[in-house]
Each structure stands twice: as C-alpha cells, then as structure tokens.
Amino acid sequence: MSRRAVALAAIAIAALRLIDALHLEFDSDEPQHLHVVWAWTRGLLPYRDVFDNHAPLFHLACSPLLGALGERAGILVPMRLALFPAFALTLIAIAWLGRRLFSARVAAWGTLMAALWPEHFLTSLEFRPDGPWSALWLLSLAVLVAGRLTARRAAVAGLLMGVAFALSLKTVLLLATLAAAAALALPAWRARLAPGTARRLASPALAVAAGTAVVPGLLLLWFAARGALSPLIDCVVRHNLLPGAAPGARALLLPATVVGLGFLAAAHARRDRDPALGARRSLVALSAALYLAALEGLWPVLTPQDFLPFEPLAALFAAAVVLGPDGAGAAAPRRARPALAGLLVALELAALIARQPPWRDRSGPETRLIADVLRLTGPADTVMDLKGEMVYRPRAFYWVLETITRERMRRGLIPDRIPERLIETHTAVVANDSHFLPPRAREFMDTSYVSVGSLRVAGRVLEPAAGAPRRFTVIVPGRYVVRGRSGPAAGRLDGQPCAAPLLLATGPHRYDPAPGEGRVAVWWARAAESGYSPRSMESP
C-alpha cells in the first residue's frame, strides 16, 4: 500500500469518524460518565458524594475540559471529539505491532482493517473510558514486544498498563490473560530460544509489576488522604462483584481454549524460522485469544466495549493470515492477496455504513433532554434520572440504575428509597417513564409527575369523576398552575380560583370541577411559564 493511499485512507476515516461523532446515537453510559466528570468540576468527590462504579482516572482527566466548555446542551459532541487521539493511538499501536511482528504491508492493511472494524469504530466513538483504556493497553503490548525485553522496556510497558488499570479495572483480566499467554508460550518456545531465556525473564516481569502499580497506587493514596478509600473500594470493587452472578456452562470455554491454544503454540514453535520473533507473535496472539475466551467464559455482563482491546489485534492477525506473515503470504495466490484484503476492507466499510448511515442524525434525544433540564432547573435543583443523563444536576438518589444496581435492587441488596428521596429533596424534575425503574419508584413517579418535553415535572392529571371532587397529593411544595385543554381551569382548587398560579404545600389537595368540566392538569408553574405543558393535555 503506497503512502498516498495510506494518507487518503486516513483522511477518509477521519472524515467519517467526525460525521459519526456528530450523528451517532448517544449510549446511556456516555452521559453517565459525563455526570461524574461534572461532579469533579463542582468539587464533589466521586464514590463518597456521587456514585460511580468505574475507575477514577478518566473522569478526573476530563474534568478540566468540561469546566472550560461550561454547561451546554450539546456537550457530548465536543467530549466525544476530545477522545479522537485515543483512536489514533490505537491505530499507531497496531501499525507498530504490525511492523515489528510481521511486515510493513501487513501493518498497513491490518491498521486499515482495525480502523474500520464496525463495532470497534462505533463503540470507540462514545464518550467513555474504554477507548483510551484499549489504546493504552495496545500501546503497552507494542512497547513490550517491539524489541529486546529489558527491565527498562518492561517498566515502561508496565507504567502504561498501570494507566490503563486506572482507567478500567477490566485491565485485571487483560493482565491475567497476558500472564497466562506467557505461561503457554514459554514452554513451547523454550527449546528454540537462547539458553537461560526463561531465567532472564524474572527481572522484566518484576519491572512490569512495579510499573503497573505506580499510577493506581498514587490514586489510592490520594483518595485515602481524603477519607474516601473505603467508598472507592465499595463502588468500584464490591459493587461490581455481584453475588451469584456465575457465567454457567459457558465457563467451560476458557479451559478448553487454554488446552487448544497450548497445542497450537507448540505446533507453531516447531515451524517458525525466527524463534524470538515467533515467540513474540505467539505471546500477542495467545493473550488476545485468551482474553476473548475469558470474556465469553467468565465475564458476568458482556458489553461491546469489553471487546475493544481484542478487535484491533484480531484485524492485524487477519491481515497476516491473508497476506502472509512477511507480506508475501501463502494463504492465497500472490496476485489475489491484495484484492482479498481490499474486499475485507470494503465489507467492513459497508457494514459500518449500514450500522450508522452518515446522513442519519440519531443524537437528538439526549441533547434535547439536557436542553430541557438546563431550561427548567437551576444548579441547586435536584433531579432524578436513571444514570446521570441530565448531567449537570445533582441526583436525588445516590445509586445509578445501571445493570448491576438494578439486579442488586431486585434481590433486595439495595433498598428502593427513591420515593422517599424525591420527597425529602423536593425534586420537581424526573426522567420519563422507563422499565429500568424499580417497580415501587416507577409507580410513585407515574402518579406524582406529568410528562412535558423530554422529561417529567411534579404534577397530576385529574380525570373527570362525574362531578365529584378530584383529590390528589403534592410531594414538591411550590407554585402550580391548574389548566384544562383550552386555558385556566374553571373550577376551584382548595376553594381558590385557578386563574393564576397557586402556592401548594406538601400533602393532600382537592379540586372541585365546574359543571361538565373535563380533564384538568395541575403541574409545576416553572414548567408552564417556560412554555411546557403536559403531553396528555395537548390537543390531538
């Protein structure tokens, strides 16, 4: 592949990535992460003051940028763009690995295949720590196998692994599978490597461990100095270790993979012409395969971002299979190899465009929600959402309602105190109805809030009851409006006319309808004055 072709491909990929960053639908994790970043900018301490079950470095590192950009509805787009260097770092690492392990030709095609892998392309676009985490892990592998394994090289690789660890605790699985890969590769290659090689690996192994401990150790000391070490461990470790979340029969995949890979490593070791290079290839390939097997066999909750460190390596080795390790290849007739590689790239691009058509903008709902929140609330107002999607406001309930929290609540390990917290904090703005809400909280919110715009505000819709008084309860004291479909309600609320907003206290209230009056809504006056009305009161 010529330099001109590489440059054109890079420009095209960057343009497509920019368009998709603007148009890709926001995953619910993105505002969740951004809410924690916002907490840092407000002087709150995550884990102690704000719940989060992720490692701290990503949110801490992003907080200066969010602080500089300020509160804006479209904040997720620039925060996505800020992660573009992580994707570039991923491609640099794959190109480096490709050149060191195979050839310039394999590196070029492998990097292009990695860049256009649909799942990796789209997931790494999202504002989450997983893109930088994956990039740093791949870079650490590139450093580790790029040359003779000295203690200094191992320490640098370990330092990068430690930064990855501070971004995501899934690095534990990567480290374990890398160690297992080394344990499988070393016996297979021992006979063909220089005498004493295994003994000389002890010092680099210790250097990797020491380097890995530096950044996580500093962060732990920082949180401990602020009395927040225990909340950090509770949220990041204990919360994620859900009791009884066993993977079941699929756990058998891991030992079967270990046995199979052991035989493959031994067979490959007998054929490779360059033992040192072959051992490095085996280490990287085995670590990727074992990580995939460990995910599929052991990980209780699988998500697309879990596979980010695997996918670029799979693309690189696929290019090596198609083109041959040295770029001359044996997997296809010589003239057909570039065409076959080009076909794979074309198929990737087609799948990517099918998944996310560049001309289709799916980013609107989250942006509208944040805009509504900014319009309706002030910095001191609490809100109630699922995972922090309202971003810039404190949440009434400490726990984020992600997968593990919902399962813990279902088992009774976390009590559903959402209704009590909504009352205690006078929360007037909550998320729209969702099956992710616990049943008790969902029922309470359905009867205490009305949908306006992209969220709900405190209020009730009072249905006709054959002229009888209509009774309801206010949970958020404040000013309310009472209106029918065509304007202010004609009846009386607690004996008062409804032409102007009324100050309602917490507790029961009574509306006496005018003769023949239909549906009436009572809702938060701030929303009405901002131009919002309950959806159920809008004319068909």
Protein backbone atom coordinates (compact mmCIF):
# COMPACT_ATOMS: atom_id res chain seq x y z
CA MET A 1 0.00 0.00 0.00
CA SER A 2 1.54 3.32 -1.08
CA ARG A 3 1.99 6.32 1.23
CA ARG A 4 -0.52 8.25 -0.84
CA ALA A 5 -3.12 5.53 -0.40
CA VAL A 6 -2.45 5.45 3.34
CA ALA A 7 -2.85 9.24 3.56
CA LEU A 8 -6.11 9.20 1.58
CA ALA A 9 -7.46 6.37 3.74
CA ALA A 10 -6.56 8.29 6.90
CA ILE A 11 -8.35 11.42 5.67
CA ALA A 12 -11.46 9.44 4.68
CA ILE A 13 -11.58 7.59 8.01
CA ALA A 14 -11.13 10.84 9.95
CA ALA A 15 -13.96 12.48 7.98
CA LEU A 16 -16.28 9.52 8.53
CA ARG A 17 -15.39 9.49 12.20
CA LEU A 18 -16.17 13.18 12.54
CA ILE A 19 -19.58 12.78 10.87
CA ASP A 20 -20.44 9.76 13.00
CA ALA A 21 -19.35 11.54 16.18
CA LEU A 22 -21.94 14.21 15.37
CA HIS A 23 -24.71 11.78 14.41
CA LEU A 24 -24.27 8.56 16.40
CA GLU A 25 -26.99 7.93 18.97
CA PHE A 26 -25.74 8.55 22.49
CA ASP A 27 -25.37 5.43 24.58
CA SER A 28 -26.77 5.73 28.11
CA ASP A 29 -23.25 5.25 29.51
CA GLU A 30 -21.99 8.47 27.90
CA PRO A 31 -23.97 10.99 29.99
CA GLN A 32 -23.41 8.72 33.00
CA HIS A 33 -19.66 9.23 32.63
CA LEU A 34 -20.13 12.91 31.89
CA HIS A 35 -22.18 13.36 35.06
CA VAL A 36 -19.23 12.04 37.10
CA VAL A 37 -16.89 14.40 35.23
CA TRP A 38 -19.30 17.23 36.11
CA ALA A 39 -19.13 16.17 39.78
CA TRP A 40 -15.36 16.69 39.72
CA THR A 41 -15.85 20.20 38.31
CA ARG A 42 -18.25 21.01 41.17
CA GLY A 43 -15.79 19.98 43.88
CA LEU A 44 -17.68 16.76 44.66
CA LEU A 45 -15.70 13.62 45.38
CA PRO A 46 -16.88 10.59 43.37
CA TYR A 47 -17.74 7.45 45.32
CA ARG A 48 -18.22 9.47 48.53
CA ASP A 49 -20.53 12.19 47.19
CA VAL A 50 -21.58 10.76 43.82
CA PHE A 51 -21.96 7.10 42.92
CA ASP A 52 -19.74 5.62 40.24
CA ASN A 53 -18.64 2.04 39.66
CA HIS A 54 -15.74 2.85 37.32
CA ALA A 55 -12.07 3.61 37.94
CA PRO A 56 -11.41 7.32 38.59
CA LEU A 57 -8.70 8.46 36.17
CA PHE A 58 -10.85 9.05 33.07
CA HIS A 59 -13.34 11.34 34.80
CA LEU A 60 -10.63 13.23 36.65
CA ALA A 61 -8.65 13.77 33.43
CA CYS A 62 -11.71 15.03 31.52
CA SER A 63 -12.86 17.49 34.19
CA PRO A 64 -10.67 20.46 33.09
CA LEU A 65 -12.10 20.29 29.57
CA LEU A 66 -15.70 20.15 30.80
CA GLY A 67 -15.01 23.01 33.18
CA ALA A 68 -13.66 25.09 30.29
CA LEU A 69 -16.58 24.29 27.97
CA GLY A 70 -19.27 25.07 30.53
CA GLU A 71 -22.88 23.90 30.72
CA ARG A 72 -24.36 23.42 27.26
CA ALA A 73 -26.93 21.07 25.78
CA GLY A 74 -24.65 19.73 23.04
CA ILE A 75 -21.75 18.99 25.39
CA LEU A 76 -21.41 15.30 24.49
CA VAL A 77 -20.23 16.02 20.94
CA PRO A 78 -17.09 18.01 21.89
CA MET A 79 -16.38 15.49 24.64
CA ARG A 80 -16.53 12.74 22.02
CA LEU A 81 -14.18 14.70 19.78
CA ALA A 82 -11.72 15.02 22.65
CA LEU A 83 -11.24 11.24 22.55
CA PHE A 84 -10.14 11.17 18.90
CA PRO A 85 -6.46 11.00 19.91
CA ALA A 86 -7.18 7.70 21.70
CA PHE A 87 -8.40 6.16 18.43
CA ALA A 88 -5.30 7.48 16.67
CA LEU A 89 -3.16 5.95 19.42
CA THR A 90 -4.89 2.60 18.86
CA LEU A 91 -4.01 2.69 15.17
CA ILE A 92 -0.42 3.74 15.92
CA ALA A 93 -0.07 0.79 18.30
CA ILE A 94 -1.45 -1.65 15.73
CA ALA A 95 0.80 -0.26 12.99
CA TRP A 96 3.79 -0.56 15.33
CA LEU A 97 2.88 -4.13 16.26
CA GLY A 98 2.33 -4.99 12.60
CA ARG A 99 5.77 -3.74 11.57
CA ARG A 100 7.56 -5.42 14.48
CA LEU A 101 5.75 -8.74 14.28
CA PHE A 102 5.11 -9.03 10.53
CA SER A 103 5.88 -6.52 7.76
CA ALA A 104 5.09 -3.00 6.59
CA ARG A 105 2.47 -4.38 4.22
CA VAL A 106 0.70 -6.38 6.92
CA ALA A 107 0.92 -3.36 9.24
CA ALA A 108 -0.77 -1.09 6.69
CA TRP A 109 -3.60 -3.46 5.83
CA GLY A 110 -4.01 -4.59 9.45
CA THR A 111 -4.28 -0.98 10.64
CA LEU A 112 -6.86 -0.21 7.97
CA MET A 113 -8.90 -3.29 8.93
CA ALA A 114 -8.65 -2.31 12.61
CA ALA A 115 -9.76 1.25 11.83
CA LEU A 116 -12.90 0.12 10.01
CA TRP A 117 -13.94 -2.78 12.26
CA PRO A 118 -17.59 -1.66 12.69
CA GLU A 119 -18.09 -2.49 16.36
CA HIS A 120 -14.75 -1.00 17.35
CA PHE A 121 -15.22 2.10 15.19
CA LEU A 122 -18.60 2.97 16.69
CA THR A 123 -18.01 1.93 20.30
CA SER A 124 -14.71 3.81 20.49
CA LEU A 125 -16.56 6.94 19.31
CA GLU A 126 -18.57 7.05 22.51
CA PHE A 127 -17.58 9.21 25.46
CA ARG A 128 -16.38 6.51 27.82
CA PRO A 129 -13.03 5.40 29.31
CA ASP A 130 -12.91 2.21 27.24
CA GLY A 131 -11.41 3.81 24.12
CA PRO A 132 -8.38 5.31 25.92
CA TRP A 133 -8.14 2.15 28.05
CA SER A 134 -7.95 -0.08 24.98
CA ALA A 135 -5.47 2.24 23.26
CA LEU A 136 -3.10 2.28 26.22
CA TRP A 137 -3.25 -1.49 26.58
CA LEU A 138 -2.39 -2.00 22.91
CA LEU A 139 0.42 0.54 23.19
CA SER A 140 1.80 -1.29 26.23
CA LEU A 141 1.83 -4.54 24.22
CA ALA A 142 3.62 -2.76 21.38
CA VAL A 143 6.28 -1.47 23.78
CA LEU A 144 6.63 -4.90 25.37
CA VAL A 145 7.31 -6.83 22.15
CA ALA A 146 8.91 -4.13 19.99
CA GLY A 147 12.46 -5.17 20.84
CA ARG A 148 14.69 -7.00 23.28
CA LEU A 149 12.88 -7.37 26.60
CA THR A 150 14.91 -5.35 29.08
CA ALA A 151 13.84 -4.29 32.55
CA ARG A 152 13.58 -0.69 31.33
CA ARG A 153 11.29 -1.63 28.43
CA ALA A 154 9.19 -3.79 30.76
CA ALA A 155 8.88 -0.93 33.26
CA VAL A 156 7.61 1.45 30.56
CA ALA A 157 5.10 -1.16 29.39
CA GLY A 158 4.04 -1.70 33.00
CA LEU A 159 3.57 2.02 33.54
CA LEU A 160 1.24 2.15 30.52
CA MET A 161 -0.62 -0.89 31.87
CA GLY A 162 -1.00 0.90 35.19
CA VAL A 163 -2.56 3.92 33.49
CA ALA A 164 -4.91 1.51 31.69
CA PHE A 165 -5.73 -0.04 35.08
CA ALA A 166 -6.59 3.41 36.47
CA LEU A 167 -8.96 3.84 33.51
CA SER A 168 -10.69 0.46 33.83
CA LEU A 169 -10.44 -2.43 36.26
CA LYS A 170 -11.01 -4.76 33.31
CA THR A 171 -7.22 -4.45 32.96
CA VAL A 172 -7.06 -7.15 35.64
CA LEU A 173 -8.44 -9.59 33.08
CA LEU A 174 -6.00 -8.38 30.44
CA LEU A 175 -3.05 -8.78 32.80
CA ALA A 176 -4.18 -12.24 33.84
CA THR A 177 -4.59 -13.43 30.26
CA LEU A 178 -1.22 -11.90 29.28
CA ALA A 179 0.43 -13.83 32.12
CA ALA A 180 -1.39 -16.99 31.04
CA ALA A 181 -0.26 -16.42 27.45
CA ALA A 182 3.35 -16.13 28.61
CA ALA A 183 2.94 -19.34 30.61
CA LEU A 184 1.67 -21.13 27.49
CA ALA A 185 4.19 -19.64 25.06
CA LEU A 186 7.36 -20.06 27.09
CA PRO A 187 7.32 -23.89 27.36
CA ALA A 188 6.52 -24.16 23.65
CA TRP A 189 9.48 -21.98 22.65
CA ARG A 190 11.96 -22.87 25.42
CA ALA A 191 13.90 -25.37 23.31
CA ARG A 192 14.44 -22.92 20.45
CA LEU A 193 15.24 -19.79 22.43
CA ALA A 194 18.69 -18.88 23.69
CA PRO A 195 19.78 -20.78 26.81
CA GLY A 196 18.79 -19.05 30.04
CA THR A 197 15.99 -17.01 28.41
CA ALA A 198 13.39 -18.13 30.93
CA ARG A 199 15.66 -17.23 33.84
CA ARG A 200 16.35 -13.76 32.40
CA LEU A 201 12.58 -13.02 32.23
CA ALA A 202 12.30 -12.70 36.01
CA SER A 203 13.68 -9.15 36.11
CA PRO A 204 11.41 -7.80 33.31
CA ALA A 205 8.41 -9.48 34.94
CA LEU A 206 9.12 -7.68 38.21
CA ALA A 207 9.60 -4.42 36.29
CA VAL A 208 6.19 -4.82 34.64
CA ALA A 209 4.58 -5.42 38.04
CA ALA A 210 6.33 -2.42 39.58
CA GLY A 211 5.44 -0.12 36.70
CA THR A 212 1.81 -1.24 36.76
CA ALA A 213 1.47 -0.37 40.44
CA VAL A 214 2.62 3.26 40.18
CA VAL A 215 -0.45 5.15 38.91
CA PRO A 216 -3.12 3.05 40.71
CA GLY A 217 -1.06 3.32 43.90
CA LEU A 218 -0.89 7.11 43.68
CA LEU A 219 -4.65 7.34 43.12
CA LEU A 220 -5.37 5.09 46.09
CA LEU A 221 -3.15 7.24 48.31
CA TRP A 222 -4.90 10.39 47.05
CA PHE A 223 -8.36 9.02 47.90
CA ALA A 224 -7.14 7.64 51.23
CA ALA A 225 -5.81 11.09 52.20
CA ARG A 226 -9.34 12.45 51.69
CA GLY A 227 -11.04 9.69 53.65
CA ALA A 228 -12.66 8.23 50.53
CA LEU A 229 -10.72 5.00 50.07
CA SER A 230 -13.47 2.82 51.51
CA PRO A 231 -16.23 4.34 49.29
CA LEU A 232 -13.96 3.86 46.26
CA ILE A 233 -13.44 0.17 47.04
CA ASP A 234 -17.14 -0.29 47.80
CA CYS A 235 -18.24 1.24 44.48
CA VAL A 236 -15.54 0.04 42.10
CA VAL A 237 -14.86 -3.43 43.52
CA ARG A 238 -17.54 -4.72 45.86
CA HIS A 239 -20.49 -3.30 43.92
CA ASN A 240 -19.33 -4.91 40.67
CA LEU A 241 -18.81 -8.32 42.30
CA LEU A 242 -22.46 -9.31 42.19
CA PRO A 243 -23.05 -12.37 44.40
CA GLY A 244 -24.08 -15.46 42.47
CA ALA A 245 -23.50 -13.91 39.03
CA ALA A 246 -21.90 -17.08 37.66
CA PRO A 247 -21.46 -17.46 33.90
CA GLY A 248 -22.82 -21.03 33.90
CA ALA A 249 -21.87 -23.63 31.31
CA ARG A 250 -20.02 -21.13 29.13
CA ALA A 251 -17.26 -21.11 31.78
CA LEU A 252 -16.07 -24.37 30.19
CA LEU A 253 -14.96 -22.35 27.18
CA LEU A 254 -11.89 -20.98 28.97
CA PRO A 255 -10.17 -24.27 29.94
CA ALA A 256 -10.97 -25.74 26.53
CA THR A 257 -9.39 -22.69 24.89
CA VAL A 258 -6.28 -22.94 27.08
CA VAL A 259 -5.73 -26.58 26.10
CA GLY A 260 -6.31 -25.88 22.40
CA LEU A 261 -4.03 -22.85 22.36
CA GLY A 262 -1.31 -24.80 24.16
CA PHE A 263 -1.24 -27.36 21.35
CA LEU A 264 -1.28 -24.64 18.68
CA ALA A 265 1.60 -22.78 20.33
CA ALA A 266 3.67 -25.95 20.46
CA ALA A 267 2.95 -26.75 16.80
CA HIS A 268 3.78 -23.20 15.72
CA ALA A 269 7.04 -23.21 17.69
CA ARG A 270 8.32 -26.19 15.71
CA ARG A 271 7.74 -24.45 12.34
CA ASP A 272 8.72 -20.81 12.82
CA ARG A 273 12.07 -19.84 11.28
CA ASP A 274 12.77 -16.99 13.75
CA PRO A 275 12.28 -18.24 17.32
CA ALA A 276 12.47 -14.81 19.00
CA LEU A 277 10.00 -13.24 16.57
CA GLY A 278 7.75 -16.29 16.68
CA ALA A 279 7.66 -16.17 20.47
CA ARG A 280 6.54 -12.52 20.38
CA ARG A 281 3.84 -13.31 17.84
CA SER A 282 2.64 -16.19 19.99
CA LEU A 283 2.53 -14.04 23.12
CA VAL A 284 0.36 -11.37 21.48
CA ALA A 285 -1.92 -13.84 19.68
CA LEU A 286 -2.37 -16.03 22.75
CA SER A 287 -3.10 -13.06 25.01
CA ALA A 288 -5.80 -11.82 22.61
CA ALA A 289 -7.38 -15.27 22.24
CA LEU A 290 -7.31 -15.95 25.98
CA TYR A 291 -8.83 -12.55 26.72
CA LEU A 292 -11.69 -13.30 24.34
CA ALA A 293 -12.20 -16.74 25.89
CA ALA A 294 -12.11 -15.28 29.41
CA LEU A 295 -14.71 -12.66 28.48
CA GLU A 296 -17.02 -15.20 26.90
CA GLY A 297 -16.45 -17.78 29.63
CA LEU A 298 -16.21 -15.78 32.84
CA TRP A 299 -17.49 -12.21 32.48
CA PRO A 300 -20.99 -11.94 34.01
CA VAL A 301 -22.19 -8.91 31.99
CA LEU A 302 -20.82 -8.61 28.44
CA THR A 303 -20.91 -5.26 26.63
CA PRO A 304 -19.48 -4.13 23.26
CA GLN A 305 -16.79 -2.03 24.96
CA ASP A 306 -15.33 -5.10 26.65
CA PHE A 307 -14.07 -6.31 23.26
CA LEU A 308 -12.20 -3.13 22.29
CA PRO A 309 -8.69 -4.45 23.15
CA PHE A 310 -9.33 -7.65 21.17
CA GLU A 311 -10.77 -6.33 17.92
CA PRO A 312 -7.73 -4.41 16.57
CA LEU A 313 -5.46 -7.38 17.28
CA ALA A 314 -7.90 -9.69 15.51
CA ALA A 315 -7.79 -7.36 12.50
CA LEU A 316 -3.98 -7.36 12.49
CA PHE A 317 -3.71 -11.14 12.61
CA ALA A 318 -6.43 -11.45 9.95
CA ALA A 319 -4.26 -9.30 7.68
CA ALA A 320 -1.28 -11.52 8.42
CA VAL A 321 -3.30 -14.62 7.50
CA VAL A 322 -4.47 -13.08 4.22
CA LEU A 323 -1.13 -11.56 3.20
CA GLY A 324 1.22 -13.96 4.93
CA PRO A 325 3.35 -13.00 7.95
CA ASP A 326 6.04 -11.38 5.80
CA GLY A 327 3.57 -9.72 3.43
CA ALA A 328 4.31 -12.16 0.63
CA GLY A 329 1.86 -14.69 2.04
CA ALA A 330 0.76 -18.21 1.44
CA ALA A 331 -2.94 -18.02 2.23
CA ALA A 332 -3.96 -17.07 -1.31
CA PRO A 333 -2.38 -16.79 -4.79
CA ARG A 334 0.08 -13.89 -4.86
CA ARG A 335 -1.97 -11.59 -7.11
CA ALA A 336 -5.19 -12.27 -5.23
CA ARG A 337 -3.88 -11.32 -1.78
CA PRO A 338 -4.23 -7.50 -2.00
CA ALA A 339 -7.60 -7.93 -3.70
CA LEU A 340 -8.78 -10.21 -0.91
CA ALA A 341 -7.58 -7.75 1.72
CA GLY A 342 -9.32 -4.94 -0.15
CA LEU A 343 -12.52 -6.99 -0.26
CA LEU A 344 -12.42 -7.43 3.52
CA VAL A 345 -11.96 -3.69 3.99
CA ALA A 346 -14.86 -2.98 1.61
CA LEU A 347 -17.10 -5.38 3.54
CA GLU A 348 -16.16 -3.68 6.81
CA LEU A 349 -16.96 -0.27 5.37
CA ALA A 350 -20.32 -1.50 4.03
CA ALA A 351 -21.21 -3.00 7.42
CA LEU A 352 -20.17 0.21 9.18
CA ILE A 353 -22.32 2.40 6.94
CA ALA A 354 -25.24 0.00 7.35
CA ARG A 355 -24.91 0.22 11.15
CA GLN A 356 -24.63 4.01 11.20
CA PRO A 357 -25.58 5.78 7.96
CA PRO A 358 -23.54 9.00 7.99
CA TRP A 359 -26.51 11.02 6.76
CA ARG A 360 -28.82 9.93 9.61
CA ASP A 361 -28.63 12.02 12.79
CA ARG A 362 -29.62 9.99 15.87
CA SER A 363 -28.11 12.25 18.51
CA GLY A 364 -31.13 14.47 19.13
CA PRO A 365 -32.97 12.93 22.12
CA GLU A 366 -30.15 13.25 24.67
CA THR A 367 -29.32 16.79 23.52
CA ARG A 368 -32.98 17.82 23.85
CA LEU A 369 -33.16 16.28 27.33
CA ILE A 370 -30.15 18.25 28.56
CA ALA A 371 -31.57 21.42 26.99
CA ASP A 372 -34.88 20.90 28.82
CA VAL A 373 -33.06 20.32 32.12
CA LEU A 374 -30.99 23.48 31.73
CA ARG A 375 -34.12 25.46 30.88
CA LEU A 376 -36.21 24.16 33.80
CA THR A 377 -33.74 23.83 36.67
CA GLY A 378 -31.02 25.76 38.44
CA PRO A 379 -27.67 24.48 39.75
CA ALA A 380 -29.09 23.73 43.21
CA ASP A 381 -32.15 21.79 41.97
CA THR A 382 -32.04 18.03 42.32
CA VAL A 383 -33.31 15.71 39.59
CA MET A 384 -34.00 12.02 39.30
CA ASP A 385 -32.81 10.14 36.24
CA LEU A 386 -31.60 6.63 35.56
CA LYS A 387 -27.84 7.01 35.20
CA GLY A 388 -26.99 10.71 35.22
CA GLU A 389 -28.32 11.56 31.76
CA MET A 390 -29.40 15.01 32.99
CA VAL A 391 -25.65 15.57 33.52
CA TYR A 392 -25.45 19.00 35.20
CA ARG A 393 -27.68 18.50 38.23
CA PRO A 394 -27.33 16.55 41.49
CA ARG A 395 -29.40 13.36 41.61
CA ALA A 396 -31.92 12.72 44.37
CA PHE A 397 -30.92 9.04 44.67
CA TYR A 398 -27.29 8.02 45.26
CA TRP A 399 -27.28 4.80 43.25
CA VAL A 400 -27.10 4.85 39.45
CA LEU A 401 -29.66 2.48 37.96
CA GLU A 402 -27.28 0.53 35.71
CA THR A 403 -27.42 -3.24 35.19
CA ILE A 404 -25.72 -4.36 38.39
CA THR A 405 -27.56 -1.85 40.59
CA ARG A 406 -30.91 -2.93 39.18
CA GLU A 407 -30.09 -6.56 39.89
CA ARG A 408 -29.00 -5.72 43.42
CA MET A 409 -32.26 -3.84 43.98
CA ARG A 410 -34.24 -6.74 42.55
CA ARG A 411 -32.58 -9.04 45.10
CA GLY A 412 -33.20 -6.58 47.93
CA LEU A 413 -29.49 -5.83 48.45
CA ILE A 414 -30.15 -2.12 47.81
CA PRO A 415 -33.47 -0.74 49.13
CA ASP A 416 -35.69 1.28 46.83
CA ARG A 417 -35.83 4.60 48.68
CA ILE A 418 -36.40 6.64 45.54
CA PRO A 419 -39.91 7.87 46.56
CA GLU A 420 -38.65 8.97 49.98
CA ARG A 421 -35.64 10.74 48.44
CA LEU A 422 -37.85 12.56 45.92
CA ILE A 423 -39.97 13.88 48.78
CA GLU A 424 -37.00 14.74 51.03
CA THR A 425 -35.15 16.65 48.30
CA HIS A 426 -38.24 18.36 46.81
CA THR A 427 -37.31 17.01 43.39
CA ALA A 428 -39.58 18.52 40.75
CA VAL A 429 -37.90 17.13 37.60
CA VAL A 430 -37.53 13.41 36.84
CA ALA A 431 -36.88 11.23 33.83
CA ASN A 432 -39.68 9.90 31.67
CA ASP A 433 -41.18 6.51 32.43
CA SER A 434 -38.86 3.53 31.96
CA HIS A 435 -38.98 -0.18 32.71
CA PHE A 436 -35.49 0.25 34.20
CA LEU A 437 -37.04 1.99 37.22
CA PRO A 438 -37.74 -0.24 40.25
CA PRO A 439 -41.47 -1.09 40.46
CA ARG A 440 -42.16 0.91 43.62
CA ALA A 441 -40.37 4.01 42.35
CA ARG A 442 -41.97 3.68 38.93
CA GLU A 443 -45.48 3.57 40.39
CA PHE A 444 -44.77 6.57 42.63
CA MET A 445 -43.35 8.65 39.80
CA ASP A 446 -46.20 7.72 37.45
CA THR A 447 -48.71 9.14 39.93
CA SER A 448 -46.71 12.19 41.05
CA TYR A 449 -45.27 13.62 37.82
CA VAL A 450 -46.52 14.50 34.35
CA SER A 451 -44.60 14.31 31.05
CA VAL A 452 -43.56 17.63 29.50
CA GLY A 453 -41.00 17.88 26.73
CA SER A 454 -38.43 15.11 27.15
CA LEU A 455 -38.88 14.69 30.91
CA ARG A 456 -41.45 14.84 33.70
CA VAL A 457 -42.25 17.52 36.26
CA ALA A 458 -44.20 17.45 39.50
CA GLY A 459 -47.93 17.40 38.89
CA ARG A 460 -51.05 15.35 38.24
CA VAL A 461 -53.64 14.97 35.53
CA LEU A 462 -57.11 14.97 37.16
CA GLU A 463 -59.58 12.87 35.20
CA PRO A 464 -63.35 13.59 35.21
CA ALA A 465 -65.23 11.82 38.02
CA ALA A 466 -68.94 12.52 37.36
CA GLY A 467 -68.79 15.93 39.02
CA ALA A 468 -67.23 14.58 42.23
CA PRO A 469 -64.25 16.37 43.82
CA ARG A 470 -60.90 15.30 42.43
CA ARG A 471 -58.29 14.63 45.09
CA PHE A 472 -54.52 14.45 44.68
CA THR A 473 -51.31 14.78 46.70
CA VAL A 474 -48.46 17.24 46.19
CA ILE A 475 -44.96 15.94 47.01
CA VAL A 476 -42.99 19.04 45.98
CA PRO A 477 -44.23 22.25 47.59
CA GLY A 478 -44.26 25.28 45.33
CA ARG A 479 -46.20 27.20 42.73
CA TYR A 480 -48.53 25.23 40.46
CA VAL A 481 -50.85 26.05 37.57
CA VAL A 482 -54.23 24.39 37.03
CA ARG A 483 -55.44 24.26 33.45
CA GLY A 484 -57.77 22.45 31.14
CA ARG A 485 -57.31 21.91 27.41
CA SER A 486 -58.39 25.43 26.49
CA GLY A 487 -56.90 27.51 29.32
CA PRO A 488 -57.09 28.04 33.09
CA ALA A 489 -59.34 25.56 34.85
CA ALA A 490 -62.88 26.75 35.58
CA GLY A 491 -63.22 25.01 38.95
CA ARG A 492 -61.66 25.79 42.32
CA LEU A 493 -58.58 24.26 43.97
CA ASP A 494 -58.80 24.15 47.76
CA GLY A 495 -61.54 26.75 47.40
CA GLN A 496 -59.42 29.16 45.33
CA PRO A 497 -59.95 30.19 41.70
CA CYS A 498 -57.34 28.89 39.25
CA ALA A 499 -56.73 31.91 37.02
CA ALA A 500 -53.24 32.49 38.49
CA PRO A 501 -50.57 30.07 39.77
CA LEU A 502 -51.28 28.78 43.28
CA LEU A 503 -48.85 28.07 46.09
CA LEU A 504 -49.42 24.45 47.16
CA ALA A 505 -47.98 22.81 50.26
CA THR A 506 -46.92 19.18 50.52
CA GLY A 507 -49.87 16.92 51.21
CA PRO A 508 -53.46 16.26 50.03
CA HIS A 509 -55.43 18.76 47.95
CA ARG A 510 -58.91 18.92 46.45
CA TYR A 511 -60.11 20.25 43.12
CA ASP A 512 -63.83 20.98 42.66
CA PRO A 513 -64.59 21.00 38.92
CA ALA A 514 -67.00 23.32 37.18
CA PRO A 515 -70.15 21.63 35.78
CA GLY A 516 -69.26 19.45 32.81
CA GLU A 517 -65.55 20.20 33.09
CA GLY A 518 -63.27 17.56 31.57
CA ARG A 519 -59.67 16.63 32.18
CA VAL A 520 -57.61 19.12 34.19
CA ALA A 521 -53.86 19.18 34.85
CA VAL A 522 -52.04 20.53 37.89
CA TRP A 523 -48.33 20.98 37.25
CA TRP A 524 -45.22 22.84 38.30
CA ALA A 525 -45.60 26.53 37.44
CA ARG A 526 -41.95 26.93 36.41
CA ALA A 527 -42.52 24.44 33.59
CA ALA A 528 -45.72 26.16 32.49
CA GLU A 529 -44.03 29.56 32.48
CA SER A 530 -41.23 28.12 30.35
CA GLY A 531 -43.75 27.02 27.74
CA TYR A 532 -44.13 23.35 28.71
CA SER A 533 -47.49 21.62 29.04
CA PRO A 534 -48.39 18.02 29.89
CA ARG A 535 -48.50 15.82 26.81
CA SER A 536 -51.83 14.37 27.91
CA MET A 537 -53.34 17.86 27.78
CA GLU A 538 -52.13 18.67 24.28
CA SER A 539 -54.74 18.72 21.56
CA PRO A 540 -54.71 15.60 19.36
